[in-house]
Amino acid sequence: MIEATPETRTPTEAVQEAVTDLRKAAKEAGVPFPSLRLDPKPLGEDGALTHLIDTGRINIGTARKLTKILRAAR
């Protein structure tokens, strides 16, 4: 089997990798996204394929943790 490289990955493979990386980084930071996934309807307003990542619903505790981390990253 040939392994995909950044140069040979499809856009779908790249966005799936981004979801995996985000899930791992968020978990390591203590901010899990339990509903993190690829958007099931990846079409933009103009009908073009748009790979979107759905972070899903989060509770207030997770929102506060995420806010703290984002502010610290500035």
N, C-alpha and C. Protein backbone atom coordinates (compact mmCIF):
# COMPACT_ATOMS: atom_id res chain seq x y z
N MET A 1 0.84 -1.18 0.00
CA MET A 1 0.00 0.00 0.00
C MET A 1 0.89 1.24 0.00
N ILE A 2 0.54 2.21 -0.81
CA ILE A 2 1.28 3.47 -0.88
C ILE A 2 0.69 4.44 0.13
N GLU A 3 1.55 5.00 0.98
CA GLU A 3 1.08 5.93 2.00
C GLU A 3 0.95 7.33 1.39
N ALA A 4 -0.13 8.01 1.73
CA ALA A 4 -0.35 9.37 1.21
C ALA A 4 0.62 10.34 1.87
N THR A 5 1.20 11.20 1.08
CA THR A 5 2.07 12.26 1.58
C THR A 5 1.31 13.58 1.46
N PRO A 6 1.80 14.65 2.08
CA PRO A 6 1.10 15.94 1.93
C PRO A 6 0.86 16.32 0.47
N GLU A 7 1.76 15.89 -0.40
CA GLU A 7 1.63 16.24 -1.82
C GLU A 7 0.59 15.38 -2.54
N THR A 8 0.31 14.18 -2.01
CA THR A 8 -0.61 13.27 -2.71
C THR A 8 -1.95 13.10 -2.02
N ARG A 9 -2.11 13.72 -0.84
CA ARG A 9 -3.39 13.61 -0.13
C ARG A 9 -4.49 14.34 -0.89
N THR A 10 -5.66 13.77 -0.79
CA THR A 10 -6.83 14.46 -1.34
C THR A 10 -7.28 15.51 -0.33
N PRO A 11 -8.09 16.48 -0.74
CA PRO A 11 -8.63 17.45 0.22
C PRO A 11 -9.39 16.77 1.36
N THR A 12 -10.10 15.70 1.06
CA THR A 12 -10.84 14.98 2.10
C THR A 12 -9.89 14.35 3.10
N GLU A 13 -8.81 13.75 2.63
CA GLU A 13 -7.82 13.16 3.53
C GLU A 13 -7.17 14.24 4.40
N ALA A 14 -6.89 15.39 3.81
CA ALA A 14 -6.26 16.48 4.55
C ALA A 14 -7.18 16.99 5.66
N VAL A 15 -8.47 17.14 5.36
CA VAL A 15 -9.39 17.65 6.38
C VAL A 15 -9.63 16.59 7.46
N GLN A 16 -9.62 15.31 7.09
CA GLN A 16 -9.74 14.26 8.10
C GLN A 16 -8.53 14.29 9.04
N GLU A 17 -7.35 14.53 8.49
CA GLU A 17 -6.15 14.65 9.31
C GLU A 17 -6.26 15.86 10.24
N ALA A 18 -6.80 16.97 9.73
CA ALA A 18 -6.98 18.16 10.55
C ALA A 18 -7.92 17.89 11.71
N VAL A 19 -8.98 17.14 11.48
CA VAL A 19 -9.93 16.79 12.54
C VAL A 19 -9.22 15.94 13.60
N THR A 20 -8.46 14.97 13.15
CA THR A 20 -7.72 14.10 14.08
C THR A 20 -6.73 14.91 14.91
N ASP A 21 -5.99 15.81 14.25
CA ASP A 21 -5.02 16.65 14.96
C ASP A 21 -5.70 17.57 15.96
N LEU A 22 -6.82 18.18 15.56
CA LEU A 22 -7.56 19.07 16.44
C LEU A 22 -8.10 18.32 17.65
N ARG A 23 -8.65 17.14 17.42
CA ARG A 23 -9.19 16.34 18.52
C ARG A 23 -8.08 16.02 19.53
N LYS A 24 -6.91 15.61 19.03
CA LYS A 24 -5.80 15.26 19.90
C LYS A 24 -5.30 16.49 20.68
N ALA A 25 -5.10 17.61 19.99
CA ALA A 25 -4.60 18.82 20.64
C ALA A 25 -5.59 19.34 21.67
N ALA A 26 -6.87 19.30 21.35
CA ALA A 26 -7.89 19.78 22.28
C ALA A 26 -7.92 18.90 23.53
N LYS A 27 -7.84 17.60 23.32
CA LYS A 27 -7.85 16.68 24.46
C LYS A 27 -6.63 16.92 25.35
N GLU A 28 -5.45 17.10 24.73
CA GLU A 28 -4.23 17.36 25.49
C GLU A 28 -4.34 18.67 26.28
N ALA A 29 -5.09 19.64 25.75
CA ALA A 29 -5.26 20.92 26.42
C ALA A 29 -6.40 20.89 27.44
N GLY A 30 -7.06 19.75 27.55
CA GLY A 30 -8.17 19.63 28.49
C GLY A 30 -9.47 20.21 28.00
N VAL A 31 -9.59 20.36 26.68
CA VAL A 31 -10.80 20.92 26.07
C VAL A 31 -11.30 19.95 25.00
N PRO A 32 -11.92 18.86 25.42
CA PRO A 32 -12.40 17.90 24.44
C PRO A 32 -13.65 18.39 23.70
N PHE A 33 -13.72 18.04 22.44
CA PHE A 33 -14.90 18.35 21.62
C PHE A 33 -15.59 17.01 21.35
N PRO A 34 -16.57 16.62 22.16
CA PRO A 34 -17.18 15.31 22.00
C PRO A 34 -17.89 15.10 20.67
N SER A 35 -18.30 16.18 20.02
CA SER A 35 -19.04 16.05 18.76
C SER A 35 -18.20 16.45 17.54
N LEU A 36 -16.89 16.57 17.69
CA LEU A 36 -16.02 16.99 16.59
C LEU A 36 -16.13 16.01 15.43
N ARG A 37 -16.35 16.56 14.22
CA ARG A 37 -16.50 15.71 13.02
C ARG A 37 -16.42 16.56 11.78
N LEU A 38 -16.36 15.88 10.65
CA LEU A 38 -16.47 16.57 9.37
C LEU A 38 -17.93 16.96 9.18
N ASP A 39 -18.15 18.12 8.63
CA ASP A 39 -19.52 18.54 8.34
C ASP A 39 -20.10 17.58 7.31
N PRO A 40 -21.29 17.02 7.58
CA PRO A 40 -21.85 16.04 6.65
C PRO A 40 -22.33 16.65 5.32
N LYS A 41 -22.47 17.95 5.26
CA LYS A 41 -22.90 18.61 4.02
C LYS A 41 -21.83 19.62 3.61
N PRO A 42 -20.79 19.14 2.94
CA PRO A 42 -19.65 20.01 2.66
C PRO A 42 -19.82 20.93 1.46
N LEU A 43 -20.99 21.49 1.29
CA LEU A 43 -21.21 22.41 0.18
C LEU A 43 -21.39 23.83 0.68
N GLY A 44 -20.67 24.75 0.06
CA GLY A 44 -20.80 26.15 0.41
C GLY A 44 -22.05 26.76 -0.19
N GLU A 45 -22.25 28.04 0.05
CA GLU A 45 -23.44 28.71 -0.46
C GLU A 45 -23.53 28.68 -1.98
N ASP A 46 -22.38 28.71 -2.64
CA ASP A 46 -22.38 28.70 -4.11
C ASP A 46 -22.40 27.30 -4.70
N GLY A 47 -22.51 26.29 -3.85
CA GLY A 47 -22.57 24.91 -4.32
C GLY A 47 -21.21 24.26 -4.49
N ALA A 48 -20.13 25.02 -4.23
CA ALA A 48 -18.78 24.47 -4.35
C ALA A 48 -18.47 23.59 -3.14
N LEU A 49 -17.64 22.58 -3.37
CA LEU A 49 -17.22 21.70 -2.29
C LEU A 49 -16.39 22.50 -1.29
N THR A 50 -16.82 22.50 -0.05
CA THR A 50 -16.14 23.22 1.02
C THR A 50 -16.01 22.29 2.21
N HIS A 51 -14.79 21.89 2.51
CA HIS A 51 -14.58 20.98 3.63
C HIS A 51 -14.63 21.77 4.93
N LEU A 52 -15.68 21.55 5.70
CA LEU A 52 -15.85 22.24 6.97
C LEU A 52 -15.74 21.24 8.12
N ILE A 53 -15.25 21.73 9.25
CA ILE A 53 -15.14 20.91 10.45
C ILE A 53 -16.17 21.41 11.44
N ASP A 54 -17.02 20.52 11.88
CA ASP A 54 -18.07 20.83 12.84
C ASP A 54 -17.55 20.53 14.24
N THR A 55 -17.40 21.57 15.06
CA THR A 55 -16.90 21.36 16.42
C THR A 55 -18.01 20.92 17.36
N GLY A 56 -19.23 20.98 16.90
CA GLY A 56 -20.34 20.47 17.69
C GLY A 56 -20.70 21.34 18.86
N ARG A 57 -21.52 20.79 19.70
CA ARG A 57 -22.01 21.51 20.88
C ARG A 57 -21.08 21.25 22.05
N ILE A 58 -20.81 22.30 22.84
CA ILE A 58 -19.97 22.15 24.02
C ILE A 58 -20.70 22.74 25.21
N ASN A 59 -20.36 22.26 26.40
CA ASN A 59 -20.99 22.80 27.60
C ASN A 59 -20.25 24.06 28.06
N ILE A 60 -20.79 24.73 29.06
CA ILE A 60 -20.21 25.99 29.52
C ILE A 60 -18.80 25.83 30.08
N GLY A 61 -18.54 24.70 30.74
CA GLY A 61 -17.20 24.46 31.27
C GLY A 61 -16.16 24.37 30.15
N THR A 62 -16.49 23.65 29.11
CA THR A 62 -15.59 23.53 27.96
C THR A 62 -15.42 24.88 27.28
N ALA A 63 -16.49 25.64 27.17
CA ALA A 63 -16.41 26.98 26.55
C ALA A 63 -15.47 27.87 27.34
N ARG A 64 -15.55 27.81 28.65
CA ARG A 64 -14.67 28.64 29.50
C ARG A 64 -13.21 28.20 29.38
N LYS A 65 -12.95 26.90 29.33
CA LYS A 65 -11.59 26.41 29.16
C LYS A 65 -11.02 26.87 27.82
N LEU A 66 -11.83 26.73 26.77
CA LEU A 66 -11.39 27.13 25.44
C LEU A 66 -11.11 28.63 25.38
N THR A 67 -11.96 29.42 25.99
CA THR A 67 -11.75 30.87 26.04
C THR A 67 -10.44 31.21 26.73
N LYS A 68 -10.17 30.55 27.84
CA LYS A 68 -8.93 30.78 28.60
C LYS A 68 -7.71 30.44 27.75
N ILE A 69 -7.75 29.32 27.07
CA ILE A 69 -6.62 28.89 26.23
C ILE A 69 -6.41 29.85 25.06
N LEU A 70 -7.49 30.26 24.42
CA LEU A 70 -7.37 31.17 23.29
C LEU A 70 -6.83 32.54 23.72
N ARG A 71 -7.27 33.02 24.85
CA ARG A 71 -6.76 34.30 25.36
C ARG A 71 -5.28 34.19 25.71
N ALA A 72 -4.88 33.07 26.28
CA ALA A 72 -3.47 32.88 26.63
C ALA A 72 -2.58 32.77 25.39
N ALA A 73 -3.16 32.34 24.30
CA ALA A 73 -2.39 32.16 23.06
C ALA A 73 -2.13 33.46 22.31
N ARG A 74 -2.79 34.54 22.71
CA ARG A 74 -2.61 35.83 22.02
C ARG A 74 -1.25 36.40 22.21
